PDB file of N, CA and C in Angstrom:
ATOM      1  N   MET A   1      67.311  22.026 102.233  1.00  0.00           N
ATOM      2  CA  MET A   1      66.402  22.824 103.168  1.00  0.00           C
ATOM      3  C   MET A   1      66.152  21.707 104.014  1.00  0.00           C
ATOM      4  N   ASP A   2      66.137  21.969 105.196  1.00  0.00           N
ATOM      5  CA  ASP A   2      65.645  20.864 106.164  1.00  0.00           C
ATOM      6  C   ASP A   2      64.698  21.762 106.720  1.00  0.00           C
ATOM      7  N   GLN A   3      63.531  21.197 106.440  1.00  0.00           N
ATOM      8  CA  GLN A   3      62.063  21.740 106.841  1.00  0.00           C
ATOM      9  C   GLN A   3      61.761  21.329 108.130  1.00  0.00           C
ATOM     10  N   SER A   4      62.812  20.214 109.071  1.00  0.00           N
ATOM     11  CA  SER A   4      62.303  20.010 110.152  1.00  0.00           C
ATOM     12  C   SER A   4      63.060  21.332 111.281  1.00  0.00           C
ATOM     13  N   ARG A   5      63.963  21.647 110.907  1.00  0.00           N
ATOM     14  CA  ARG A   5      64.861  22.714 111.498  1.00  0.00           C
ATOM     15  C   ARG A   5      63.915  23.768 111.414  1.00  0.00           C
ATOM     16  N   LEU A   6      63.488  24.008 110.395  1.00  0.00           N
ATOM     17  CA  LEU A   6      62.878  25.448 109.994  1.00  0.00           C
ATOM     18  C   LEU A   6      61.533  25.583 110.798  1.00  0.00           C
ATOM     19  N   ALA A   7      60.589  24.060 111.121  1.00  0.00           N
ATOM     20  CA  ALA A   7      59.592  23.728 112.027  1.00  0.00           C
ATOM     21  C   ALA A   7      59.901  24.248 113.532  1.00  0.00           C
ATOM     22  N   ARG A   8      61.084  23.639 113.844  1.00  0.00           N
ATOM     23  CA  ARG A   8      61.501  23.943 115.270  1.00  0.00           C
ATOM     24  C   ARG A   8      61.736  24.879 115.469  1.00  0.00           C
ATOM     25  N   VAL A   9      62.437  25.857 114.451  1.00  0.00           N
ATOM     26  CA  VAL A   9      62.580  27.391 114.863  1.00  0.00           C
ATOM     27  C   VAL A   9      61.313  28.012 115.039  1.00  0.00           C
ATOM     28  N   LEU A  10      60.346  27.827 114.440  1.00  0.00           N
ATOM     29  CA  LEU A  10      59.346  28.704 113.790  1.00  0.00           C
ATOM     30  C   LEU A  10      58.263  28.110 115.568  1.00  0.00           C
ATOM     31  N   ALA A  11      58.733  27.079 115.810  1.00  0.00           N
ATOM     32  CA  ALA A  11      58.291  26.426 117.260  1.00  0.00           C
ATOM     33  C   ALA A  11      58.725  26.962 118.712  1.00  0.00           C
ATOM     34  N   GLY A  12      60.131  27.837 118.349  1.00  0.00           N
ATOM     35  CA  GLY A  12      60.580  28.251 119.344  1.00  0.00           C
ATOM     36  C   GLY A  12      61.657  27.308 120.158  1.00  0.00           C
ATOM     37  N   GLU A  13      61.939  25.859 119.313  1.00  0.00           N
ATOM     38  CA  GLU A  13      62.854  25.142 119.941  1.00  0.00           C
ATOM     39  C   GLU A  13      63.869  25.212 119.685  1.00  0.00           C
ATOM     40  N   LEU A  14      64.571  26.194 118.290  1.00  0.00           N
ATOM     41  CA  LEU A  14      65.763  26.180 118.276  1.00  0.00           C
ATOM     42  C   LEU A  14      66.039  27.692 118.008  1.00  0.00           C
ATOM     43  N   GLU A  15      67.220  28.428 117.931  1.00  0.00           N
ATOM     44  CA  GLU A  15      67.260  29.974 117.580  1.00  0.00           C
ATOM     45  C   GLU A  15      67.544  30.050 115.929  1.00  0.00           C
ATOM     46  N   THR A  16      66.765  30.941 115.759  1.00  0.00           N
ATOM     47  CA  THR A  16      67.403  31.536 114.085  1.00  0.00           C
ATOM     48  C   THR A  16      69.099  31.072 113.655  1.00  0.00           C
ATOM     49  N   THR A  17      69.696  31.484 114.724  1.00  0.00           N
ATOM     50  CA  THR A  17      71.411  31.185 114.187  1.00  0.00           C
ATOM     51  C   THR A  17      71.603  29.764 113.437  1.00  0.00           C
ATOM     52  N   VAL A  18      70.689  28.920 113.564  1.00  0.00           N
ATOM     53  CA  VAL A  18      70.951  27.803 113.134  1.00  0.00           C
ATOM     54  C   VAL A  18      70.802  27.439 111.568  1.00  0.00           C
ATOM     55  N   LEU A  19      69.718  28.279 110.935  1.00  0.00           N
ATOM     56  CA  LEU A  19      69.413  28.555 109.927  1.00  0.00           C
ATOM     57  C   LEU A  19      70.413  28.737 109.002  1.00  0.00           C
ATOM     58  N   THR A  20      70.329  28.110 107.546  1.00  0.00           N
ATOM     59  CA  THR A  20      71.347  28.631 106.331  1.00  0.00           C
ATOM     60  C   THR A  20      70.745  29.868 106.115  1.00  0.00           C
ATOM     61  N   PRO A  21      71.344  30.573 105.488  1.00  0.00           N
ATOM     62  CA  PRO A  21      70.394  32.109 104.487  1.00  0.00           C
ATOM     63  C   PRO A  21      69.545  32.162 104.181  1.00  0.00           C
ATOM     64  N   GLU A  22      69.055  30.607 103.710  1.00  0.00           N
ATOM     65  CA  GLU A  22      67.998  30.378 102.248  1.00  0.00           C
ATOM     66  C   GLU A  22      67.108  30.018 103.044  1.00  0.00           C
ATOM     67  N   GLU A  23      67.256  29.426 104.137  1.00  0.00           N
ATOM     68  CA  GLU A  23      66.409  28.824 105.367  1.00  0.00           C
ATOM     69  C   GLU A  23      65.750  29.825 105.989  1.00  0.00           C
ATOM     70  N   GLU A  24      66.607  30.582 106.122  1.00  0.00           N
ATOM     71  CA  GLU A  24      66.088  31.822 107.067  1.00  0.00           C
ATOM     72  C   GLU A  24      65.334  32.977 106.652  1.00  0.00           C
ATOM     73  N   LEU A  25      65.377  32.989 105.194  1.00  0.00           N
ATOM     74  CA  LEU A  25      64.565  33.775 104.153  1.00  0.00           C
ATOM     75  C   LEU A  25      62.993  33.154 104.096  1.00  0.00           C
ATOM     76  N   VAL A  26      63.376  31.608 104.319  1.00  0.00           N
ATOM     77  CA  VAL A  26      61.879  30.760 104.419  1.00  0.00           C
ATOM     78  C   VAL A  26      61.147  31.284 105.158  1.00  0.00           C
ATOM     79  N   TRP A  27      62.007  31.068 106.580  1.00  0.00           N
ATOM     80  CA  TRP A  27      61.868  31.259 108.262  1.00  0.00           C
ATOM     81  C   TRP A  27      61.048  32.481 108.019  1.00  0.00           C
ATOM     82  N   VAL A  28      61.767  33.635 107.629  1.00  0.00           N
ATOM     83  CA  VAL A  28      60.785  35.026 107.906  1.00  0.00           C
ATOM     84  C   VAL A  28      59.589  35.289 107.200  1.00  0.00           C
ATOM     85  N   GLU A  29      59.688  34.382 105.776  1.00  0.00           N
ATOM     86  CA  GLU A  29      58.639  34.535 104.909  1.00  0.00           C
ATOM     87  C   GLU A  29      57.308  34.075 106.273  1.00  0.00           C
ATOM     88  N   ARG A  30      57.500  32.717 106.584  1.00  0.00           N
ATOM     89  CA  ARG A  30      56.387  31.683 107.472  1.00  0.00           C
ATOM     90  C   ARG A  30      56.497  32.710 108.897  1.00  0.00           C
ATOM     91  N   PHE A  31      57.212  33.318 109.320  1.00  0.00           N
ATOM     92  CA  PHE A  31      56.980  33.615 110.616  1.00  0.00           C
ATOM     93  C   PHE A  31      56.152  34.943 110.691  1.00  0.00           C
ATOM     94  N   VAL A  32      56.526  35.739 109.741  1.00  0.00           N
ATOM     95  CA  VAL A  32      55.540  36.878 109.131  1.00  0.00           C
ATOM     96  C   VAL A  32      53.971  36.583 109.338  1.00  0.00           C
ATOM     97  N   ALA A  33      53.872  35.384 108.401  1.00  0.00           N
ATOM     98  CA  ALA A  33      52.210  34.729 108.034  1.00  0.00           C
ATOM     99  C   ALA A  33      51.843  34.499 109.082  1.00  0.00           C
ATOM    100  N   LYS A  34      52.515  33.750 110.007  1.00  0.00           N
ATOM    101  CA  LYS A  34      52.123  33.338 111.430  1.00  0.00           C
ATOM    102  C   LYS A  34      51.743  34.613 112.096  1.00  0.00           C
ATOM    103  N   MET A  35      52.754  35.529 112.433  1.00  0.00           N
ATOM    104  CA  MET A  35      52.215  36.677 113.192  1.00  0.00           C
ATOM    105  C   MET A  35      50.895  37.438 112.427  1.00  0.00           C
ATOM    106  N   ALA A  36      50.573  37.043 111.498  1.00  0.00           N
ATOM    107  CA  ALA A  36      49.464  37.859 111.003  1.00  0.00           C
ATOM    108  C   ALA A  36      48.236  37.183 111.543  1.00  0.00           C
ATOM    109  N   GLU A  37      48.159  35.870 111.638  1.00  0.00           N
ATOM    110  CA  GLU A  37      46.923  35.182 112.035  1.00  0.00           C
ATOM    111  C   GLU A  37      46.640  35.570 113.829  1.00  0.00           C
ATOM    112  N   GLU A  38      45.167  35.733 113.367  1.00  0.00           N
ATOM    113  CA  GLU A  38      44.837  36.004 114.894  1.00  0.00           C
ATOM    114  C   GLU A  38      44.449  35.031 115.794  1.00  0.00           C
ATOM    115  N   GLY A  39      44.747  35.319 117.027  1.00  0.00           N
ATOM    116  CA  GLY A  39      44.735  33.688 117.903  1.00  0.00           C
ATOM    117  C   GLY A  39      43.218  34.193 118.730  1.00  0.00           C
ATOM    118  N   PRO A  40      43.274  33.156 119.692  1.00  0.00           N
ATOM    119  CA  PRO A  40      41.866  33.253 120.418  1.00  0.00           C
ATOM    120  C   PRO A  40      41.522  34.575 121.190  1.00  0.00           C
ATOM    121  N   GLU A  41      42.831  34.818 121.746  1.00  0.00           N
ATOM    122  CA  GLU A  41      42.682  36.292 122.592  1.00  0.00           C
ATOM    123  C   GLU A  41      42.537  37.099 121.842  1.00  0.00           C
ATOM    124  N   GLU A  42      43.015  37.438 120.769  1.00  0.00           N
ATOM    125  CA  GLU A  42      42.406  38.656 120.003  1.00  0.00           C
ATOM    126  C   GLU A  42      41.184  38.487 119.574  1.00  0.00           C
ATOM    127  N   HIS A  43      40.603  37.706 119.005  1.00  0.00           N
ATOM    128  CA  HIS A  43      39.274  37.208 119.081  1.00  0.00           C
ATOM    129  C   HIS A  43      38.424  37.797 119.926  1.00  0.00           C
ATOM    130  N   ALA A  44      38.369  37.224 121.190  1.00  0.00           N
ATOM    131  CA  ALA A  44      37.833  37.234 122.452  1.00  0.00           C
ATOM    132  C   ALA A  44      38.293  39.110 122.848  1.00  0.00           C
ATOM    133  N   PHE A  45      39.270  39.541 122.658  1.00  0.00           N
ATOM    134  CA  PHE A  45      39.166  41.112 122.866  1.00  0.00           C
ATOM    135  C   PHE A  45      38.438  42.091 121.772  1.00  0.00           C
ATOM    136  N   PHE A  46      38.616  41.764 120.502  1.00  0.00           N
ATOM    137  CA  PHE A  46      37.727  42.440 119.720  1.00  0.00           C
ATOM    138  C   PHE A  46      36.211  42.631 120.237  1.00  0.00           C
ATOM    139  N   ALA A  47      36.083  40.984 120.125  1.00  0.00           N
ATOM    140  CA  ALA A  47      34.715  40.784 120.463  1.00  0.00           C
ATOM    141  C   ALA A  47      33.634  41.532 121.893  1.00  0.00           C
ATOM    142  N   GLU A  48      34.595  41.633 122.803  1.00  0.00           N
ATOM    143  CA  GLU A  48      34.129  42.521 123.793  1.00  0.00           C
ATOM    144  C   GLU A  48      34.228  44.007 123.698  1.00  0.00           C
ATOM    145  N   ARG A  49      35.407  44.559 122.667  1.00  0.00           N
ATOM    146  CA  ARG A  49      35.163  45.761 122.196  1.00  0.00           C
ATOM    147  C   ARG A  49      34.105  46.028 121.302  1.00  0.00           C
ATOM    148  N   ARG A  50      33.489  45.044 120.767  1.00  0.00           N
ATOM    149  CA  ARG A  50      32.280  45.447 119.894  1.00  0.00           C
ATOM    150  C   ARG A  50      31.190  45.056 120.539  1.00  0.00           C
ATOM    151  N   ARG A  51      31.093  44.395 121.847  1.00  0.00           N
ATOM    152  CA  ARG A  51      29.818  44.340 122.455  1.00  0.00           C
ATOM    153  C   ARG A  51      29.991  45.674 123.207  1.00  0.00           C
ATOM    154  N   ARG A  52      30.836  46.357 123.825  1.00  0.00           N
ATOM    155  CA  ARG A  52      30.839  47.342 124.040  1.00  0.00           C
ATOM    156  C   ARG A  52      30.913  48.827 123.373  1.00  0.00           C
ATOM    157  N   GLY A  53      30.832  48.801 121.977  1.00  0.00           N
ATOM    158  CA  GLY A  53      30.633  49.602 121.272  1.00  0.00           C
ATOM    159  C   GLY A  53      32.045  50.509 121.124  1.00  0.00           C
ATOM    160  N   LYS A  54      33.168  49.960 121.431  1.00  0.00           N
ATOM    161  CA  LYS A  54      34.338  50.664 121.431  1.00  0.00           C
ATOM    162  C   LYS A  54      35.416  50.486 119.839  1.00  0.00           C
ATOM    163  N   GLY A  55      36.299  51.337 120.000  1.00  0.00           N
ATOM    164  CA  GLY A  55      37.137  51.157 118.476  1.00  0.00           C
ATOM    165  C   GLY A  55      37.644  49.781 118.340  1.00  0.00           C
ATOM    166  N   VAL A  56      37.434  49.213 117.071  1.00  0.00           N
ATOM    167  CA  VAL A  56      37.729  48.265 116.867  1.00  0.00           C
ATOM    168  C   VAL A  56      38.929  48.071 115.793  1.00  0.00           C
ATOM    169  N   GLY A  57      39.417  49.230 115.773  1.00  0.00           N
ATOM    170  CA  GLY A  57      40.456  49.048 114.278  1.00  0.00           C
ATOM    171  C   GLY A  57      40.522  50.562 113.466  1.00  0.00           C
ATOM    172  N   LEU A  58      41.243  50.633 112.593  1.00  0.00           N
ATOM    173  CA  LEU A  58      41.685  51.341 112.044  1.00  0.00           C
ATOM    174  C   LEU A  58      40.983  51.322 110.270  1.00  0.00           C
ATOM    175  N   ASP A  59      40.194  52.701 109.615  1.00  0.00           N
ATOM    176  CA  ASP A  59      40.209  52.411 108.532  1.00  0.00           C
ATOM    177  C   ASP A  59      41.325  52.961 107.529  1.00  0.00           C
ATOM    178  N   ALA A  60      41.071  52.759 105.992  1.00  0.00           N
ATOM    179  CA  ALA A  60      42.298  52.822 105.488  1.00  0.00           C
ATOM    180  C   ALA A  60      43.044  54.430 106.060  1.00  0.00           C
ATOM    181  N   SER A  61      42.124  55.436 106.299  1.00  0.00           N
ATOM    182  CA  SER A  61      43.205  56.733 106.491  1.00  0.00           C
ATOM    183  C   SER A  61      43.496  56.801 107.594  1.00  0.00           C
ATOM    184  N   GLY A  62      43.470  55.916 108.409  1.00  0.00           N
ATOM    185  CA  GLY A  62      43.894  55.748 109.874  1.00  0.00           C
ATOM    186  C   GLY A  62      42.947  55.884 111.149  1.00  0.00           C
ATOM    187  N   MET A  63      41.482  56.770 110.737  1.00  0.00           N
ATOM    188  CA  MET A  63      41.097  56.840 111.510  1.00  0.00           C
ATOM    189  C   MET A  63      40.084  55.445 112.169  1.00  0.00           C
ATOM    190  N   ILE A  64      39.727  55.807 113.605  1.00  0.00           N
ATOM    191  CA  ILE A  64      39.180  54.610 114.528  1.00  0.00           C
ATOM    192  C   ILE A  64      37.896  54.049 113.919  1.00  0.00           C
ATOM    193  N   VAL A  65      37.523  53.001 113.727  1.00  0.00           N
ATOM    194  CA  VAL A  65      36.401  52.223 113.390  1.00  0.00           C
ATOM    195  C   VAL A  65      35.543  51.715 114.622  1.00  0.00           C
ATOM    196  N   HIS A  66      34.479  52.151 114.897  1.00  0.00           N
ATOM    197  CA  HIS A  66      33.645  51.574 115.726  1.00  0.00           C
ATOM    198  C   HIS A  66      32.756  50.650 115.396  1.00  0.00           C
ATOM    199  N   ALA A  67      32.492  50.003 116.648  1.00  0.00           N
ATOM    200  CA  ALA A  67      31.592  48.601 116.200  1.00  0.00           C
ATOM    201  C   ALA A  67      30.007  49.554 116.224  1.00  0.00           C
ATOM    202  N   ASN A  68      29.134  48.630 115.418  1.00  0.00           N
ATOM    203  CA  ASN A  68      27.973  49.215 115.348  1.00  0.00           C
ATOM    204  C   ASN A  68      26.916  48.660 116.575  1.00  0.00           C
ATOM    205  N   ALA A  69      27.097  48.837 117.690  1.00  0.00           N
ATOM    206  CA  ALA A  69      26.784  48.390 118.981  1.00  0.00           C
ATOM    207  C   ALA A  69      26.635  49.764 119.496  1.00  0.00           C
ATOM    208  N   THR A  70      25.367  49.216 120.316  1.00  0.00           N
ATOM    209  CA  THR A  70      24.743  50.613 121.341  1.00  0.00           C
ATOM    210  C   THR A  70      26.163  50.352 122.731  1.00  0.00           C
ATOM    211  N   PRO A  71      26.776  51.538 122.929  1.00  0.00           N
ATOM    212  CA  PRO A  71      27.869  51.585 123.911  1.00  0.00           C
ATOM    213  C   PRO A  71      27.229  50.947 125.076  1.00  0.00           C
ATOM    214  N   GLU A  72      28.015  50.538 126.084  1.00  0.00           N
ATOM    215  CA  GLU A  72      27.584  49.994 127.342  1.00  0.00           C
ATOM    216  C   GLU A  72      27.747  51.131 128.101  1.00  0.00           C
ATOM    217  N   VAL A  73      26.565  51.471 129.027  1.00  0.00           N
ATOM    218  CA  VAL A  73      26.702  52.888 129.890  1.00  0.00           C
ATOM    219  C   VAL A  73      27.531  52.083 131.183  1.00  0.00           C
TER     220      VAL A  73
END
């Protein structure tokens, strides 16, 4: 398994078509994990929603969870 090729595909420098089937399985796992990470834009987006008292997510039953802040008027 070529770790440098996997890293280049994850960085968007190469297409996934260059991967072997085994490498593609590892790439998918790493890609899904990377996409699950929050970035600075998401942190800022949800911080602003909390500040304004807006919904910030869903609970286990799919209902909107609101921040415990006083909504901005």
